[in-house]
Amino acid sequence: MNEKIHTHMRRLEKYRFEVGFDEWDGKLMMDEPAPLGESKAPDAGMMLSSAVGHCLCSSLLFCTGKAHGEVQDLSADVETTLARNERGRWRIEGIKVHIKAALDDEDKKKLERCRELYEDFCIVTGSVRQGVDVKVDLSVEPKN
């Protein structure tokens, strides 16, 4: 059975959107960098970058917990590289993730098994690595 995530976006002004989800009560904002937008919120590339980093960190935490280990501190630095393709369009060329985990000596041994597993359980990173099928439907409605 497939799981689904339902995301809803509404333009507030210029290129700034309010984003909500059926699966979460909160709202967040997204914007484009200047000169298109006003850089008042993350753009789509930033959100993808943070999604990859968050997913990998969460997967590592989950795996370590399953091994009865405890991560004392965890942080990640994600560098997403943008480059123009052969048609001159901006694309995400690559993502580098550096995860820093602090564990005591006994838990470091438990983490070793996770080194081989946790990336494979990260939904976002696994999907991005394979490419994702995206279907787009555009409907035009009369202005109210």
N, C-alpha and C. Protein backbone atom coordinates (compact mmCIF):
# COMPACT_ATOMS: atom_id res chain seq x y z
N MET A 1 0.84 -1.18 0.00
CA MET A 1 0.00 0.00 0.00
C MET A 1 0.88 1.24 0.00
N ASN A 2 0.55 2.20 -0.81
CA ASN A 2 1.32 3.43 -0.90
C ASN A 2 0.91 4.42 0.18
N GLU A 3 1.87 5.15 0.68
CA GLU A 3 1.61 6.27 1.59
C GLU A 3 1.62 7.53 0.73
N LYS A 4 0.94 8.55 1.17
CA LYS A 4 0.92 9.81 0.42
C LYS A 4 1.16 10.97 1.37
N ILE A 5 1.77 12.01 0.85
CA ILE A 5 1.94 13.27 1.55
C ILE A 5 1.17 14.31 0.75
N HIS A 6 0.33 15.07 1.43
CA HIS A 6 -0.49 16.08 0.75
C HIS A 6 0.01 17.47 1.12
N THR A 7 0.53 18.16 0.16
CA THR A 7 1.08 19.50 0.35
C THR A 7 0.18 20.50 -0.36
N HIS A 8 -0.09 21.61 0.32
CA HIS A 8 -0.94 22.66 -0.25
C HIS A 8 -0.16 23.97 -0.21
N MET A 9 -0.17 24.69 -1.33
CA MET A 9 0.56 25.95 -1.43
C MET A 9 -0.38 27.04 -1.88
N ARG A 10 -0.19 28.21 -1.31
CA ARG A 10 -0.99 29.37 -1.71
C ARG A 10 -0.07 30.57 -1.80
N ARG A 11 -0.13 31.25 -2.93
CA ARG A 11 0.68 32.44 -3.12
C ARG A 11 0.19 33.55 -2.20
N LEU A 12 1.15 34.17 -1.48
CA LEU A 12 0.82 35.30 -0.62
C LEU A 12 1.08 36.61 -1.34
N GLU A 13 2.29 36.72 -1.90
CA GLU A 13 2.65 37.89 -2.72
C GLU A 13 3.92 37.58 -3.47
N LYS A 14 4.09 38.23 -4.58
CA LYS A 14 5.25 38.00 -5.45
C LYS A 14 5.53 36.51 -5.56
N TYR A 15 6.69 36.05 -5.09
CA TYR A 15 7.06 34.64 -5.18
C TYR A 15 7.01 33.95 -3.82
N ARG A 16 6.36 34.56 -2.85
CA ARG A 16 6.27 33.98 -1.51
C ARG A 16 4.97 33.18 -1.38
N PHE A 17 5.12 31.96 -0.88
CA PHE A 17 3.99 31.05 -0.72
C PHE A 17 3.89 30.57 0.71
N GLU A 18 2.67 30.35 1.16
CA GLU A 18 2.42 29.66 2.41
C GLU A 18 2.23 28.19 2.06
N VAL A 19 2.86 27.32 2.82
CA VAL A 19 2.82 25.89 2.54
C VAL A 19 2.26 25.17 3.75
N GLY A 20 1.31 24.29 3.50
CA GLY A 20 0.73 23.47 4.56
C GLY A 20 0.63 22.03 4.11
N PHE A 21 0.38 21.17 5.07
CA PHE A 21 0.31 19.74 4.82
C PHE A 21 -0.89 19.16 5.55
N ASP A 22 -1.56 18.19 4.95
CA ASP A 22 -2.64 17.50 5.65
C ASP A 22 -2.10 16.77 6.86
N GLU A 23 -0.86 16.32 6.80
CA GLU A 23 -0.28 15.50 7.84
C GLU A 23 0.38 16.30 8.97
N TRP A 24 0.30 17.63 8.91
CA TRP A 24 0.93 18.49 9.92
C TRP A 24 0.10 19.74 10.04
N ASP A 25 -0.13 20.21 11.26
CA ASP A 25 -0.98 21.38 11.48
C ASP A 25 -0.30 22.70 11.19
N GLY A 26 1.01 22.75 11.19
CA GLY A 26 1.72 24.01 11.02
C GLY A 26 1.77 24.48 9.58
N LYS A 27 2.29 25.66 9.42
CA LYS A 27 2.50 26.26 8.10
C LYS A 27 3.96 26.70 8.01
N LEU A 28 4.47 26.75 6.81
CA LEU A 28 5.79 27.31 6.59
C LEU A 28 5.74 28.18 5.35
N MET A 29 6.76 28.97 5.17
CA MET A 29 6.83 29.87 4.02
C MET A 29 7.94 29.42 3.09
N MET A 30 7.76 29.73 1.82
CA MET A 30 8.81 29.54 0.81
C MET A 30 8.84 30.80 -0.03
N ASP A 31 10.02 31.12 -0.53
CA ASP A 31 10.20 32.32 -1.35
C ASP A 31 11.33 32.03 -2.33
N GLU A 32 11.47 32.85 -3.30
CA GLU A 32 12.59 32.79 -4.24
C GLU A 32 13.60 33.86 -3.84
N PRO A 33 14.86 33.62 -4.16
CA PRO A 33 15.86 34.66 -3.88
C PRO A 33 15.66 35.87 -4.79
N ALA A 34 16.19 37.00 -4.35
CA ALA A 34 16.16 38.21 -5.17
C ALA A 34 16.97 37.93 -6.44
N PRO A 35 16.61 38.47 -7.55
CA PRO A 35 15.69 39.57 -7.77
C PRO A 35 14.24 39.12 -8.00
N LEU A 36 13.98 37.82 -8.16
CA LEU A 36 12.59 37.38 -8.36
C LEU A 36 11.77 37.57 -7.09
N GLY A 37 12.24 36.96 -6.03
CA GLY A 37 11.55 37.06 -4.76
C GLY A 37 12.27 38.02 -3.84
N GLU A 38 12.01 37.86 -2.56
CA GLU A 38 12.61 38.76 -1.57
C GLU A 38 13.50 38.02 -0.57
N SER A 39 13.74 36.74 -0.81
CA SER A 39 14.58 35.92 0.08
C SER A 39 14.08 35.95 1.53
N LYS A 40 12.77 35.97 1.72
CA LYS A 40 12.19 36.02 3.06
C LYS A 40 11.94 34.63 3.63
N ALA A 41 12.21 33.60 2.86
CA ALA A 41 12.01 32.22 3.29
C ALA A 41 12.86 31.33 2.39
N PRO A 42 13.02 30.07 2.76
CA PRO A 42 13.80 29.17 1.91
C PRO A 42 13.16 28.97 0.55
N ASP A 43 14.00 28.71 -0.45
CA ASP A 43 13.48 28.36 -1.78
C ASP A 43 13.43 26.84 -1.92
N ALA A 44 12.99 26.36 -3.06
CA ALA A 44 12.81 24.92 -3.26
C ALA A 44 14.13 24.15 -3.15
N GLY A 45 15.20 24.70 -3.68
CA GLY A 45 16.51 24.04 -3.57
C GLY A 45 16.95 23.90 -2.12
N MET A 46 16.71 24.93 -1.32
CA MET A 46 17.05 24.89 0.10
C MET A 46 16.22 23.83 0.82
N MET A 47 14.94 23.76 0.46
CA MET A 47 14.08 22.78 1.10
C MET A 47 14.51 21.35 0.74
N LEU A 48 14.89 21.13 -0.51
CA LEU A 48 15.37 19.81 -0.91
C LEU A 48 16.67 19.49 -0.18
N SER A 49 17.57 20.45 -0.10
CA SER A 49 18.83 20.27 0.60
C SER A 49 18.59 19.89 2.06
N SER A 50 17.70 20.62 2.72
CA SER A 50 17.42 20.33 4.13
C SER A 50 16.69 19.00 4.27
N ALA A 51 15.85 18.64 3.31
CA ALA A 51 15.13 17.36 3.37
C ALA A 51 16.11 16.19 3.30
N VAL A 52 17.10 16.28 2.43
CA VAL A 52 18.11 15.22 2.34
C VAL A 52 18.88 15.12 3.65
N GLY A 53 19.34 16.24 4.17
CA GLY A 53 20.10 16.22 5.43
C GLY A 53 19.27 15.71 6.59
N HIS A 54 18.04 16.18 6.72
CA HIS A 54 17.17 15.74 7.81
C HIS A 54 16.87 14.25 7.72
N CYS A 55 16.58 13.78 6.53
CA CYS A 55 16.24 12.37 6.34
C CYS A 55 17.43 11.48 6.70
N LEU A 56 18.63 11.85 6.27
CA LEU A 56 19.81 11.04 6.60
C LEU A 56 20.07 11.04 8.11
N CYS A 57 19.96 12.19 8.75
CA CYS A 57 20.18 12.26 10.20
C CYS A 57 19.13 11.44 10.94
N SER A 58 17.89 11.55 10.53
CA SER A 58 16.82 10.79 11.18
C SER A 58 17.02 9.29 11.00
N SER A 59 17.42 8.89 9.81
CA SER A 59 17.67 7.48 9.53
C SER A 59 18.82 6.95 10.38
N LEU A 60 19.87 7.76 10.53
CA LEU A 60 21.01 7.37 11.36
C LEU A 60 20.57 7.23 12.83
N LEU A 61 19.78 8.18 13.32
CA LEU A 61 19.27 8.10 14.70
C LEU A 61 18.42 6.85 14.91
N PHE A 62 17.55 6.57 13.96
CA PHE A 62 16.69 5.40 14.06
C PHE A 62 17.51 4.12 14.10
N CYS A 63 18.47 4.00 13.20
CA CYS A 63 19.31 2.80 13.14
C CYS A 63 20.12 2.64 14.42
N THR A 64 20.69 3.71 14.91
CA THR A 64 21.48 3.65 16.14
C THR A 64 20.61 3.24 17.32
N GLY A 65 19.39 3.76 17.37
CA GLY A 65 18.46 3.38 18.43
C GLY A 65 18.09 1.91 18.36
N LYS A 66 17.88 1.39 17.14
CA LYS A 66 17.57 -0.03 16.97
C LYS A 66 18.74 -0.90 17.45
N ALA A 67 19.96 -0.39 17.34
CA ALA A 67 21.16 -1.11 17.79
C ALA A 67 21.40 -0.89 19.28
N HIS A 68 20.45 -0.24 19.96
CA HIS A 68 20.52 0.07 21.39
C HIS A 68 21.68 0.99 21.72
N GLY A 69 21.96 1.90 20.79
CA GLY A 69 22.97 2.93 21.01
C GLY A 69 22.29 4.27 21.15
N GLU A 70 23.05 5.25 21.64
CA GLU A 70 22.49 6.58 21.82
C GLU A 70 23.44 7.62 21.24
N VAL A 71 22.90 8.44 20.37
CA VAL A 71 23.67 9.54 19.80
C VAL A 71 23.54 10.73 20.76
N GLN A 72 24.66 11.23 21.24
CA GLN A 72 24.66 12.33 22.19
C GLN A 72 24.39 13.67 21.51
N ASP A 73 24.99 13.85 20.34
CA ASP A 73 24.82 15.09 19.59
C ASP A 73 24.90 14.74 18.12
N LEU A 74 24.14 15.44 17.30
CA LEU A 74 24.11 15.14 15.88
C LEU A 74 23.89 16.43 15.11
N SER A 75 24.71 16.64 14.10
CA SER A 75 24.52 17.81 13.22
C SER A 75 24.93 17.41 11.81
N ALA A 76 24.51 18.19 10.86
CA ALA A 76 24.85 17.93 9.46
C ALA A 76 25.05 19.24 8.73
N ASP A 77 25.99 19.23 7.82
CA ASP A 77 26.20 20.33 6.89
C ASP A 77 25.93 19.78 5.50
N VAL A 78 25.03 20.43 4.79
CA VAL A 78 24.63 19.97 3.46
C VAL A 78 24.99 21.04 2.46
N GLU A 79 25.77 20.66 1.46
CA GLU A 79 26.15 21.59 0.39
C GLU A 79 25.50 21.12 -0.90
N THR A 80 24.59 21.92 -1.42
CA THR A 80 23.89 21.60 -2.65
C THR A 80 24.45 22.49 -3.76
N THR A 81 24.93 21.86 -4.81
CA THR A 81 25.55 22.59 -5.91
C THR A 81 24.56 22.76 -7.06
N LEU A 82 24.41 24.00 -7.49
CA LEU A 82 23.56 24.32 -8.64
C LEU A 82 24.45 24.62 -9.84
N ALA A 83 24.03 24.15 -11.00
CA ALA A 83 24.78 24.42 -12.23
C ALA A 83 23.78 24.47 -13.39
N ARG A 84 24.19 25.11 -14.43
CA ARG A 84 23.34 25.18 -15.62
C ARG A 84 23.54 23.92 -16.46
N ASN A 85 22.42 23.40 -17.00
CA ASN A 85 22.50 22.23 -17.87
C ASN A 85 22.83 22.67 -19.29
N GLU A 86 22.81 21.72 -20.23
CA GLU A 86 23.16 22.02 -21.62
C GLU A 86 22.21 23.02 -22.27
N ARG A 87 21.02 23.19 -21.73
CA ARG A 87 20.05 24.16 -22.26
C ARG A 87 20.09 25.48 -21.50
N GLY A 88 21.03 25.60 -20.56
CA GLY A 88 21.18 26.83 -19.80
C GLY A 88 20.23 26.96 -18.61
N ARG A 89 19.55 25.88 -18.24
CA ARG A 89 18.61 25.90 -17.13
C ARG A 89 19.31 25.49 -15.84
N TRP A 90 18.99 26.17 -14.75
CA TRP A 90 19.57 25.82 -13.45
C TRP A 90 19.03 24.47 -13.00
N ARG A 91 19.93 23.62 -12.56
CA ARG A 91 19.58 22.31 -12.02
C ARG A 91 20.45 22.01 -10.80
N ILE A 92 19.96 21.12 -9.96
CA ILE A 92 20.77 20.66 -8.84
C ILE A 92 21.74 19.62 -9.39
N GLU A 93 23.01 19.95 -9.30
CA GLU A 93 24.05 19.09 -9.86
C GLU A 93 24.50 18.02 -8.86
N GLY A 94 24.49 18.36 -7.60
CA GLY A 94 24.93 17.40 -6.60
C GLY A 94 24.65 17.88 -5.20
N ILE A 95 24.65 16.94 -4.27
CA ILE A 95 24.43 17.24 -2.86
C ILE A 95 25.49 16.49 -2.06
N LYS A 96 26.22 17.22 -1.24
CA LYS A 96 27.21 16.62 -0.34
C LYS A 96 26.72 16.82 1.09
N VAL A 97 26.71 15.74 1.84
CA VAL A 97 26.24 15.79 3.22
C VAL A 97 27.37 15.34 4.14
N HIS A 98 27.67 16.17 5.12
CA HIS A 98 28.67 15.81 6.15
C HIS A 98 27.93 15.74 7.48
N ILE A 99 27.83 14.53 8.01
CA ILE A 99 27.13 14.31 9.28
C ILE A 99 28.16 14.15 10.38
N LYS A 100 27.92 14.83 11.50
CA LYS A 100 28.80 14.73 12.67
C LYS A 100 27.97 14.16 13.81
N ALA A 101 28.37 12.98 14.28
CA ALA A 101 27.66 12.32 15.37
C ALA A 101 28.60 12.14 16.56
N ALA A 102 28.13 12.49 17.73
CA ALA A 102 28.90 12.31 18.96
C ALA A 102 28.28 11.17 19.75
N LEU A 103 29.10 10.16 20.04
CA LEU A 103 28.65 8.99 20.80
C LEU A 103 29.74 8.60 21.79
N ASP A 104 29.37 7.90 22.85
CA ASP A 104 30.40 7.39 23.74
C ASP A 104 31.04 6.16 23.08
N ASP A 105 32.14 5.69 23.64
CA ASP A 105 32.91 4.62 22.99
C ASP A 105 32.10 3.35 22.75
N GLU A 106 31.27 2.95 23.70
CA GLU A 106 30.47 1.73 23.53
C GLU A 106 29.47 1.89 22.41
N ASP A 107 28.85 3.05 22.32
CA ASP A 107 27.85 3.29 21.28
C ASP A 107 28.50 3.46 19.91
N LYS A 108 29.77 3.85 19.85
CA LYS A 108 30.46 3.95 18.56
C LYS A 108 30.53 2.59 17.89
N LYS A 109 30.71 1.54 18.68
CA LYS A 109 30.75 0.18 18.14
C LYS A 109 29.39 -0.20 17.56
N LYS A 110 28.33 0.22 18.21
CA LYS A 110 26.97 -0.08 17.74
C LYS A 110 26.66 0.69 16.45
N LEU A 111 27.28 1.84 16.30
CA LEU A 111 27.07 2.66 15.11
C LEU A 111 27.69 2.03 13.86
N GLU A 112 28.71 1.21 14.03
CA GLU A 112 29.41 0.63 12.88
C GLU A 112 28.47 -0.14 11.96
N ARG A 113 27.57 -0.92 12.51
CA ARG A 113 26.62 -1.66 11.67
C ARG A 113 25.72 -0.69 10.91
N CYS A 114 25.38 0.42 11.53
CA CYS A 114 24.50 1.40 10.90
C CYS A 114 25.17 2.10 9.72
N ARG A 115 26.48 2.18 9.73
CA ARG A 115 27.18 2.84 8.60
C ARG A 115 26.78 2.23 7.27
N GLU A 116 26.52 0.92 7.27
CA GLU A 116 26.18 0.23 6.02
C GLU A 116 24.69 0.26 5.72
N LEU A 117 23.87 0.65 6.69
CA LEU A 117 22.42 0.53 6.53
C LEU A 117 21.65 1.83 6.39
N TYR A 118 22.02 2.84 7.16
CA TYR A 118 21.11 3.99 7.35
C TYR A 118 20.80 4.74 6.06
N GLU A 119 21.75 4.86 5.15
CA GLU A 119 21.49 5.61 3.91
C GLU A 119 20.39 4.94 3.08
N ASP A 120 20.37 3.62 3.10
CA ASP A 120 19.40 2.88 2.31
C ASP A 120 17.98 3.07 2.83
N PHE A 121 17.83 3.45 4.09
CA PHE A 121 16.51 3.64 4.68
C PHE A 121 16.04 5.09 4.62
N CYS A 122 16.85 5.98 4.08
CA CYS A 122 16.47 7.38 3.96
C CYS A 122 15.60 7.54 2.71
N ILE A 123 14.33 7.84 2.90
CA ILE A 123 13.36 7.94 1.81
C ILE A 123 13.77 9.00 0.79
N VAL A 124 14.12 10.18 1.26
CA VAL A 124 14.40 11.31 0.37
C VAL A 124 15.69 11.07 -0.43
N THR A 125 16.76 10.72 0.26
CA THR A 125 18.04 10.52 -0.42
C THR A 125 17.95 9.38 -1.43
N GLY A 126 17.31 8.28 -1.05
CA GLY A 126 17.14 7.16 -1.98
C GLY A 126 16.35 7.55 -3.21
N SER A 127 15.33 8.37 -3.03
CA SER A 127 14.50 8.80 -4.15
C SER A 127 15.24 9.77 -5.05
N VAL A 128 15.95 10.72 -4.46
CA VAL A 128 16.70 11.70 -5.25
C VAL A 128 17.79 10.99 -6.06
N ARG A 129 18.45 10.04 -5.44
CA ARG A 129 19.52 9.30 -6.14
C ARG A 129 18.99 8.55 -7.36
N GLN A 130 17.79 8.05 -7.30
CA GLN A 130 17.22 7.28 -8.40
C GLN A 130 16.51 8.14 -9.42
N GLY A 131 16.16 9.32 -9.03
CA GLY A 131 15.30 10.15 -9.88
C GLY A 131 13.86 9.88 -9.48
N VAL A 132 13.04 10.86 -9.56
CA VAL A 132 11.66 10.75 -9.13
C VAL A 132 10.75 11.08 -10.31
N ASP A 133 9.76 10.25 -10.54
CA ASP A 133 8.78 10.51 -11.59
C ASP A 133 7.86 11.64 -11.12
N VAL A 134 7.84 12.71 -11.85
CA VAL A 134 7.00 13.87 -11.51
C VAL A 134 6.01 14.08 -12.65
N LYS A 135 4.74 14.06 -12.30
CA LYS A 135 3.70 14.35 -13.28
C LYS A 135 3.09 15.71 -12.92
N VAL A 136 2.83 16.53 -13.90
CA VAL A 136 2.32 17.88 -13.67
C VAL A 136 1.03 18.07 -14.44
N ASP A 137 0.03 18.63 -13.78
CA ASP A 137 -1.25 18.95 -14.40
C ASP A 137 -1.52 20.43 -14.12
N LEU A 138 -1.73 21.22 -15.13
CA LEU A 138 -2.01 22.65 -14.97
C LEU A 138 -3.44 22.93 -15.36
N SER A 139 -4.21 23.50 -14.42
CA SER A 139 -5.56 23.93 -14.74
C SER A 139 -5.62 25.44 -14.58
N VAL A 140 -6.35 26.08 -15.47
CA VAL A 140 -6.51 27.53 -15.42
C VAL A 140 -7.95 27.81 -15.06
N GLU A 141 -8.10 28.61 -14.02
CA GLU A 141 -9.44 28.92 -13.52
C GLU A 141 -9.72 30.40 -13.71
N PRO A 142 -10.99 30.76 -13.84
CA PRO A 142 -11.30 32.18 -13.95
C PRO A 142 -11.00 32.91 -12.65
N LYS A 143 -10.57 34.15 -12.77
CA LYS A 143 -10.28 34.96 -11.61
C LYS A 143 -11.58 35.36 -10.93
N ASN A 144 -11.61 35.23 -9.62
CA ASN A 144 -12.83 35.60 -8.86
C ASN A 144 -12.90 37.08 -8.63
